Amino acid sequence: MSAVPRSEKLAGRFRRMLDRLSSSQEDLESEELREDAETAGCTRIGDCHDRQIVTVTGTLRTVTLRPRAGVPALEAELFDGSAALDVVWLGRRSIVGIEPGRKLIASGRVSMSRGRRVLFNPKYELRPLGRE
């Protein structure tokens, strides 16, 4: 038998439902992304430190082509609900499937560049479109 009285369980459920109804769409999406990262067994981006080898997952918010030292570089911002991380593929102008709104898992060594977390040339796995 549970130690929590039935009335407190109902109050807890009601409070959670009320919190969901009063949260913004952005808050709800961030919570869902944090849960996805946890269930996939990935490190939260907000918990990543400089020079740490990590596996992270999230949604690509932006994808841009930005040359670095005269070399083409495809840059994407990966967001997991806790923080954002820049993913950079040096020497690439485009990669099939790398587009805003796409979910992916990326692995590599985090570095800090201008105060932002960056993964250069990571191993990556695109998440199936049906799961989004």
C-alpha atoms as a PDB file:
ATOM      1  CA  MET A   1       0.000   0.000   0.000  1.00  0.00           C
ATOM      2  CA  SER A   2       1.261   3.455  -0.850  1.00  0.00           C
ATOM      3  CA  ALA A   3       2.412   5.838   1.881  1.00  0.00           C
ATOM      4  CA  VAL A   4       0.928   8.848   0.053  1.00  0.00           C
ATOM      5  CA  PRO A   5      -2.808   9.436   0.687  1.00  0.00           C
ATOM      6  CA  ARG A   6      -5.100   9.330  -2.347  1.00  0.00           C
ATOM      7  CA  SER A   7      -6.070  13.013  -1.980  1.00  0.00           C
ATOM      8  CA  GLU A   8      -2.410  14.071  -2.233  1.00  0.00           C
ATOM      9  CA  LYS A   9      -1.915  11.919  -5.373  1.00  0.00           C
ATOM     10  CA  LEU A  10      -4.920  13.600  -7.029  1.00  0.00           C
ATOM     11  CA  ALA A  11      -3.653  17.035  -6.007  1.00  0.00           C
ATOM     12  CA  GLY A  12      -0.243  16.175  -7.512  1.00  0.00           C
ATOM     13  CA  ARG A  13      -1.816  15.039 -10.789  1.00  0.00           C
ATOM     14  CA  PHE A  14      -3.981  18.149 -10.922  1.00  0.00           C
ATOM     15  CA  ARG A  15      -0.954  20.382 -10.254  1.00  0.00           C
ATOM     16  CA  ARG A  16       1.067  18.680 -13.049  1.00  0.00           C
ATOM     17  CA  MET A  17      -1.858  19.065 -15.473  1.00  0.00           C
ATOM     18  CA  LEU A  18      -2.270  22.722 -14.481  1.00  0.00           C
ATOM     19  CA  ASP A  19       1.500  23.313 -14.918  1.00  0.00           C
ATOM     20  CA  ARG A  20       1.376  21.798 -18.422  1.00  0.00           C
ATOM     21  CA  LEU A  21      -1.600  23.954 -19.396  1.00  0.00           C
ATOM     22  CA  SER A  22       0.036  27.134 -18.119  1.00  0.00           C
ATOM     23  CA  SER A  23       3.484  26.448 -19.658  1.00  0.00           C
ATOM     24  CA  SER A  24       4.506  28.002 -22.941  1.00  0.00           C
ATOM     25  CA  GLN A  25       4.996  25.864 -26.045  1.00  0.00           C
ATOM     26  CA  GLU A  26       8.747  26.489 -25.856  1.00  0.00           C
ATOM     27  CA  ASP A  27       8.886  25.224 -22.245  1.00  0.00           C
ATOM     28  CA  LEU A  28       6.974  22.077 -23.190  1.00  0.00           C
ATOM     29  CA  GLU A  29       9.276  21.384 -26.164  1.00  0.00           C
ATOM     30  CA  SER A  30      12.363  21.938 -23.985  1.00  0.00           C
ATOM     31  CA  GLU A  31      11.044  19.483 -21.393  1.00  0.00           C
ATOM     32  CA  GLU A  32      10.368  16.903 -24.107  1.00  0.00           C
ATOM     33  CA  LEU A  33      13.904  17.314 -25.494  1.00  0.00           C
ATOM     34  CA  ARG A  34      15.421  16.897 -22.001  1.00  0.00           C
ATOM     35  CA  GLU A  35      13.409  13.686 -21.534  1.00  0.00           C
ATOM     36  CA  ASP A  36      14.557  12.398 -24.956  1.00  0.00           C
ATOM     37  CA  ALA A  37      18.207  12.993 -24.008  1.00  0.00           C
ATOM     38  CA  GLU A  38      17.735  11.150 -20.728  1.00  0.00           C
ATOM     39  CA  THR A  39      16.016   8.137 -22.296  1.00  0.00           C
ATOM     40  CA  ALA A  40      18.692   7.928 -25.031  1.00  0.00           C
ATOM     41  CA  GLY A  41      21.398   7.808 -22.333  1.00  0.00           C
ATOM     42  CA  CYS A  42      23.082  10.956 -23.624  1.00  0.00           C
ATOM     43  CA  THR A  43      24.833  13.711 -21.703  1.00  0.00           C
ATOM     44  CA  ARG A  44      22.810  16.894 -21.304  1.00  0.00           C
ATOM     45  CA  ILE A  45      24.446  19.743 -23.231  1.00  0.00           C
ATOM     46  CA  GLY A  46      24.177  21.961 -20.163  1.00  0.00           C
ATOM     47  CA  ASP A  47      26.374  19.462 -18.278  1.00  0.00           C
ATOM     48  CA  CYS A  48      29.149  19.307 -20.937  1.00  0.00           C
ATOM     49  CA  HIS A  49      32.568  20.704 -20.039  1.00  0.00           C
ATOM     50  CA  ASP A  50      35.547  21.776 -22.136  1.00  0.00           C
ATOM     51  CA  ARG A  51      37.642  18.861 -23.500  1.00  0.00           C
ATOM     52  CA  GLN A  52      35.065  16.261 -22.399  1.00  0.00           C
ATOM     53  CA  ILE A  53      34.159  13.402 -24.767  1.00  0.00           C
ATOM     54  CA  VAL A  54      30.360  13.246 -24.940  1.00  0.00           C
ATOM     55  CA  THR A  55      27.375  11.860 -26.768  1.00  0.00           C
ATOM     56  CA  VAL A  56      24.535  14.379 -27.007  1.00  0.00           C
ATOM     57  CA  THR A  57      21.161  14.456 -28.698  1.00  0.00           C
ATOM     58  CA  GLY A  58      18.741  17.205 -29.614  1.00  0.00           C
ATOM     59  CA  THR A  59      17.110  19.148 -32.409  1.00  0.00           C
ATOM     60  CA  LEU A  60      18.972  21.251 -34.974  1.00  0.00           C
ATOM     61  CA  ARG A  61      17.724  24.820 -34.676  1.00  0.00           C
ATOM     62  CA  THR A  62      19.851  26.459 -37.357  1.00  0.00           C
ATOM     63  CA  VAL A  63      22.120  25.258 -40.161  1.00  0.00           C
ATOM     64  CA  THR A  64      24.478  27.688 -41.916  1.00  0.00           C
ATOM     65  CA  LEU A  65      27.444  27.614 -44.261  1.00  0.00           C
ATOM     66  CA  ARG A  66      30.205  29.716 -42.721  1.00  0.00           C
ATOM     67  CA  PRO A  67      33.820  29.601 -43.972  1.00  0.00           C
ATOM     68  CA  ARG A  68      36.542  29.203 -41.319  1.00  0.00           C
ATOM     69  CA  ALA A  69      40.022  30.328 -42.373  1.00  0.00           C
ATOM     70  CA  GLY A  70      39.022  30.087 -46.037  1.00  0.00           C
ATOM     71  CA  VAL A  71      37.718  26.517 -45.695  1.00  0.00           C
ATOM     72  CA  PRO A  72      33.981  25.835 -46.053  1.00  0.00           C
ATOM     73  CA  ALA A  73      32.328  24.809 -42.799  1.00  0.00           C
ATOM     74  CA  LEU A  74      28.776  23.622 -42.222  1.00  0.00           C
ATOM     75  CA  GLU A  75      27.601  24.837 -38.811  1.00  0.00           C
ATOM     76  CA  ALA A  76      24.469  23.758 -36.956  1.00  0.00           C
ATOM     77  CA  GLU A  77      23.096  24.647 -33.538  1.00  0.00           C
ATOM     78  CA  LEU A  78      21.961  21.582 -31.563  1.00  0.00           C
ATOM     79  CA  PHE A  79      19.509  22.202 -28.710  1.00  0.00           C
ATOM     80  CA  ASP A  80      18.477  19.598 -26.112  1.00  0.00           C
ATOM     81  CA  GLY A  81      16.276  21.656 -23.790  1.00  0.00           C
ATOM     82  CA  SER A  82      19.072  22.416 -21.317  1.00  0.00           C
ATOM     83  CA  ALA A  83      21.501  24.375 -23.529  1.00  0.00           C
ATOM     84  CA  ALA A  84      22.744  24.764 -27.104  1.00  0.00           C
ATOM     85  CA  LEU A  85      25.904  23.421 -28.728  1.00  0.00           C
ATOM     86  CA  ASP A  86      27.440  24.274 -32.107  1.00  0.00           C
ATOM     87  CA  VAL A  87      28.187  21.311 -34.365  1.00  0.00           C
ATOM     88  CA  VAL A  88      30.743  22.103 -37.093  1.00  0.00           C
ATOM     89  CA  TRP A  89      31.739  19.960 -40.055  1.00  0.00           C
ATOM     90  CA  LEU A  90      34.916  21.426 -41.561  1.00  0.00           C
ATOM     91  CA  GLY A  91      35.378  21.139 -45.326  1.00  0.00           C
ATOM     92  CA  ARG A  92      31.690  20.469 -45.962  1.00  0.00           C
ATOM     93  CA  ARG A  93      29.239  22.693 -47.801  1.00  0.00           C
ATOM     94  CA  SER A  94      26.222  20.494 -47.113  1.00  0.00           C
ATOM     95  CA  ILE A  95      25.291  17.099 -45.683  1.00  0.00           C
ATOM     96  CA  VAL A  96      22.139  15.281 -46.743  1.00  0.00           C
ATOM     97  CA  GLY A  97      19.655  15.226 -43.854  1.00  0.00           C
ATOM     98  CA  ILE A  98      21.313  18.018 -41.858  1.00  0.00           C
ATOM     99  CA  GLU A  99      18.528  20.600 -41.804  1.00  0.00           C
ATOM    100  CA  PRO A 100      16.697  22.724 -39.217  1.00  0.00           C
ATOM    101  CA  GLY A 101      14.187  20.756 -37.168  1.00  0.00           C
ATOM    102  CA  ARG A 102      15.971  17.415 -37.609  1.00  0.00           C
ATOM    103  CA  LYS A 103      16.877  15.390 -34.507  1.00  0.00           C
ATOM    104  CA  LEU A 104      20.273  13.780 -34.232  1.00  0.00           C
ATOM    105  CA  ILE A 105      22.760  12.153 -31.894  1.00  0.00           C
ATOM    106  CA  ALA A 106      26.342  13.486 -32.055  1.00  0.00           C
ATOM    107  CA  SER A 107      29.538  12.212 -30.412  1.00  0.00           C
ATOM    108  CA  GLY A 108      32.905  13.886 -30.023  1.00  0.00           C
ATOM    109  CA  ARG A 109      35.085  16.102 -27.860  1.00  0.00           C
ATOM    110  CA  VAL A 110      33.558  19.361 -26.689  1.00  0.00           C
ATOM    111  CA  SER A 111      35.653  22.485 -27.039  1.00  0.00           C
ATOM    112  CA  MET A 112      34.873  26.048 -26.069  1.00  0.00           C
ATOM    113  CA  SER A 113      34.981  28.754 -28.727  1.00  0.00           C
ATOM    114  CA  ARG A 114      34.009  32.334 -27.856  1.00  0.00           C
ATOM    115  CA  GLY A 115      32.171  31.105 -24.769  1.00  0.00           C
ATOM    116  CA  ARG A 116      30.073  28.513 -26.655  1.00  0.00           C
ATOM    117  CA  ARG A 117      30.305  24.727 -26.645  1.00  0.00           C
ATOM    118  CA  VAL A 118      31.417  23.302 -30.019  1.00  0.00           C
ATOM    119  CA  LEU A 119      31.768  19.792 -31.486  1.00  0.00           C
ATOM    120  CA  PHE A 120      34.074  19.723 -34.515  1.00  0.00           C
ATOM    121  CA  ASN A 121      33.572  16.930 -37.094  1.00  0.00           C
ATOM    122  CA  PRO A 122      31.512  14.717 -34.770  1.00  0.00           C
ATOM    123  CA  LYS A 123      30.281  11.214 -35.408  1.00  0.00           C
ATOM    124  CA  TYR A 124      26.546  11.611 -35.858  1.00  0.00           C
ATOM    125  CA  GLU A 125      23.380   9.611 -36.324  1.00  0.00           C
ATOM    126  CA  LEU A 126      20.219  11.120 -37.755  1.00  0.00           C
ATOM    127  CA  ARG A 127      17.087  10.173 -35.823  1.00  0.00           C
ATOM    128  CA  PRO A 128      14.257   8.640 -37.893  1.00  0.00           C
ATOM    129  CA  LEU A 129      11.718  11.134 -39.158  1.00  0.00           C
ATOM    130  CA  GLY A 130       8.785   9.100 -37.830  1.00  0.00           C
ATOM    131  CA  ARG A 131       9.968   9.591 -34.235  1.00  0.00           C
ATOM    132  CA  GLU A 132       9.898  13.399 -34.393  1.00  0.00           C
END
